[in-house]
């Protein structure tokens, strides 16, 4: 919905990267698909954020407590902050 020159002047790096992959963002929108956001946490911890390393605690997007299962949304991080 924007003129080609405006897109290229505001987003030159994105336009270039997309073109390398066969997508011209001046003609078509960038496709967006669901991603595995729940995979962002990875440090295994108990419910209070304790890890198996003495004195090391983790919180929010770093932790993997299983509190929310696979549904890791930004609002869940806020809820965890309240719980921890």
C-alpha atoms as a PDB file:
ATOM      1  CA  UNK A   1       0.000   0.000   0.000  1.00  0.00           C
ATOM      2  CA  UNK A   2       3.100   2.250  -0.030  1.00  0.00           C
ATOM      3  CA  UNK A   3       5.021   3.513  -3.079  1.00  0.00           C
ATOM      4  CA  UNK A   4       8.020   1.398  -4.110  1.00  0.00           C
ATOM      5  CA  UNK A   5      10.570   4.188  -3.496  1.00  0.00           C
ATOM      6  CA  UNK A   6       9.203   4.772   0.011  1.00  0.00           C
ATOM      7  CA  UNK A   7       9.476   1.077   0.911  1.00  0.00           C
ATOM      8  CA  UNK A   8      13.032   0.838  -0.452  1.00  0.00           C
ATOM      9  CA  UNK A   9      14.171   4.023   1.306  1.00  0.00           C
ATOM     10  CA  UNK A  10      12.717   3.014   4.687  1.00  0.00           C
ATOM     11  CA  UNK A  11      13.548  -0.712   4.589  1.00  0.00           C
ATOM     12  CA  UNK A  12      16.601  -1.223   2.334  1.00  0.00           C
ATOM     13  CA  UNK A  13      18.091  -4.129   4.318  1.00  0.00           C
ATOM     14  CA  UNK A  14      14.815  -5.990   4.665  1.00  0.00           C
ATOM     15  CA  UNK A  15      14.006  -5.456   0.972  1.00  0.00           C
ATOM     16  CA  UNK A  16      17.451  -6.715  -0.039  1.00  0.00           C
ATOM     17  CA  UNK A  17      17.269  -9.814   2.168  1.00  0.00           C
ATOM     18  CA  UNK A  18      13.790 -10.648   0.921  1.00  0.00           C
ATOM     19  CA  UNK A  19      14.884 -10.253  -2.719  1.00  0.00           C
ATOM     20  CA  UNK A  20      17.722 -12.724  -2.095  1.00  0.00           C
ATOM     21  CA  UNK A  21      15.010 -15.218  -1.173  1.00  0.00           C
ATOM     22  CA  UNK A  22      12.793 -14.406  -4.143  1.00  0.00           C
ATOM     23  CA  UNK A  23      10.334 -12.066  -2.437  1.00  0.00           C
ATOM     24  CA  UNK A  24       9.791  -8.535  -3.732  1.00  0.00           C
ATOM     25  CA  UNK A  25       8.222  -6.645  -0.822  1.00  0.00           C
ATOM     26  CA  UNK A  26       7.365  -3.738  -3.117  1.00  0.00           C
ATOM     27  CA  UNK A  27       4.890  -6.034  -4.888  1.00  0.00           C
ATOM     28  CA  UNK A  28       3.804  -8.531  -2.216  1.00  0.00           C
ATOM     29  CA  UNK A  29       3.592  -8.437   1.565  1.00  0.00           C
ATOM     30  CA  UNK A  30       6.107 -10.380   3.623  1.00  0.00           C
ATOM     31  CA  UNK A  31       4.444 -13.678   4.553  1.00  0.00           C
ATOM     32  CA  UNK A  32       4.047 -14.190   8.279  1.00  0.00           C
ATOM     33  CA  UNK A  33       3.504 -17.648   9.738  1.00  0.00           C
ATOM     34  CA  UNK A  34       3.108 -18.978  13.273  1.00  0.00           C
ATOM     35  CA  UNK A  35       6.386 -19.756  14.984  1.00  0.00           C
ATOM     36  CA  UNK A  36       7.498 -21.839  17.928  1.00  0.00           C
ATOM     37  CA  UNK A  37       7.672 -18.934  20.388  1.00  0.00           C
ATOM     38  CA  UNK A  38       7.354 -21.351  23.273  1.00  0.00           C
ATOM     39  CA  UNK A  39      10.819 -22.678  22.445  1.00  0.00           C
ATOM     40  CA  UNK A  40      12.522 -19.444  23.545  1.00  0.00           C
ATOM     41  CA  UNK A  41      12.987 -20.580  27.147  1.00  0.00           C
ATOM     42  CA  UNK A  42      15.443 -23.335  27.722  1.00  0.00           C
ATOM     43  CA  UNK A  43      17.082 -23.250  31.136  1.00  0.00           C
ATOM     44  CA  UNK A  44      15.378 -25.964  33.155  1.00  0.00           C
ATOM     45  CA  UNK A  45      14.209 -24.642  36.484  1.00  0.00           C
ATOM     46  CA  UNK A  46      11.839 -25.460  39.308  1.00  0.00           C
ATOM     47  CA  UNK A  47       8.727 -23.328  39.821  1.00  0.00           C
ATOM     48  CA  UNK A  48      10.561 -20.692  41.875  1.00  0.00           C
ATOM     49  CA  UNK A  49      13.245 -20.285  39.191  1.00  0.00           C
ATOM     50  CA  UNK A  50      15.945 -22.382  40.904  1.00  0.00           C
ATOM     51  CA  UNK A  51      18.326 -24.196  38.571  1.00  0.00           C
ATOM     52  CA  UNK A  52      20.606 -27.107  39.351  1.00  0.00           C
ATOM     53  CA  UNK A  53      23.547 -24.655  39.582  1.00  0.00           C
ATOM     54  CA  UNK A  54      23.872 -23.399  43.157  1.00  0.00           C
ATOM     55  CA  UNK A  55      22.796 -19.749  43.447  1.00  0.00           C
ATOM     56  CA  UNK A  56      21.612 -19.484  39.826  1.00  0.00           C
ATOM     57  CA  UNK A  57      18.005 -18.444  39.311  1.00  0.00           C
ATOM     58  CA  UNK A  58      16.248 -17.734  36.030  1.00  0.00           C
ATOM     59  CA  UNK A  59      13.019 -15.915  35.197  1.00  0.00           C
ATOM     60  CA  UNK A  60      10.557 -15.201  32.414  1.00  0.00           C
ATOM     61  CA  UNK A  61      11.686 -15.965  28.858  1.00  0.00           C
ATOM     62  CA  UNK A  62      14.888 -17.682  29.968  1.00  0.00           C
ATOM     63  CA  UNK A  63      13.287 -20.311  32.156  1.00  0.00           C
ATOM     64  CA  UNK A  64      11.660 -23.579  31.268  1.00  0.00           C
ATOM     65  CA  UNK A  65       9.460 -24.515  34.248  1.00  0.00           C
ATOM     66  CA  UNK A  66       6.489 -26.010  32.455  1.00  0.00           C
ATOM     67  CA  UNK A  67       4.166 -23.610  34.276  1.00  0.00           C
ATOM     68  CA  UNK A  68       2.455 -22.581  31.030  1.00  0.00           C
ATOM     69  CA  UNK A  69       3.171 -25.638  28.932  1.00  0.00           C
ATOM     70  CA  UNK A  70       3.710 -24.798  25.273  1.00  0.00           C
ATOM     71  CA  UNK A  71       1.755 -21.548  25.410  1.00  0.00           C
ATOM     72  CA  UNK A  72       4.593 -19.046  25.915  1.00  0.00           C
ATOM     73  CA  UNK A  73       3.135 -15.620  25.250  1.00  0.00           C
ATOM     74  CA  UNK A  74       4.503 -12.284  26.396  1.00  0.00           C
ATOM     75  CA  UNK A  75       1.678 -11.935  28.895  1.00  0.00           C
ATOM     76  CA  UNK A  76       2.730 -15.238  30.452  1.00  0.00           C
ATOM     77  CA  UNK A  77       6.097 -13.711  31.310  1.00  0.00           C
ATOM     78  CA  UNK A  78       4.357 -10.971  33.255  1.00  0.00           C
ATOM     79  CA  UNK A  79       2.312 -13.566  35.112  1.00  0.00           C
ATOM     80  CA  UNK A  80       5.472 -15.519  35.967  1.00  0.00           C
ATOM     81  CA  UNK A  81       7.072 -12.358  37.305  1.00  0.00           C
ATOM     82  CA  UNK A  82       4.160 -12.007  39.702  1.00  0.00           C
ATOM     83  CA  UNK A  83       4.398 -15.653  40.769  1.00  0.00           C
ATOM     84  CA  UNK A  84       8.160 -15.607  41.252  1.00  0.00           C
END
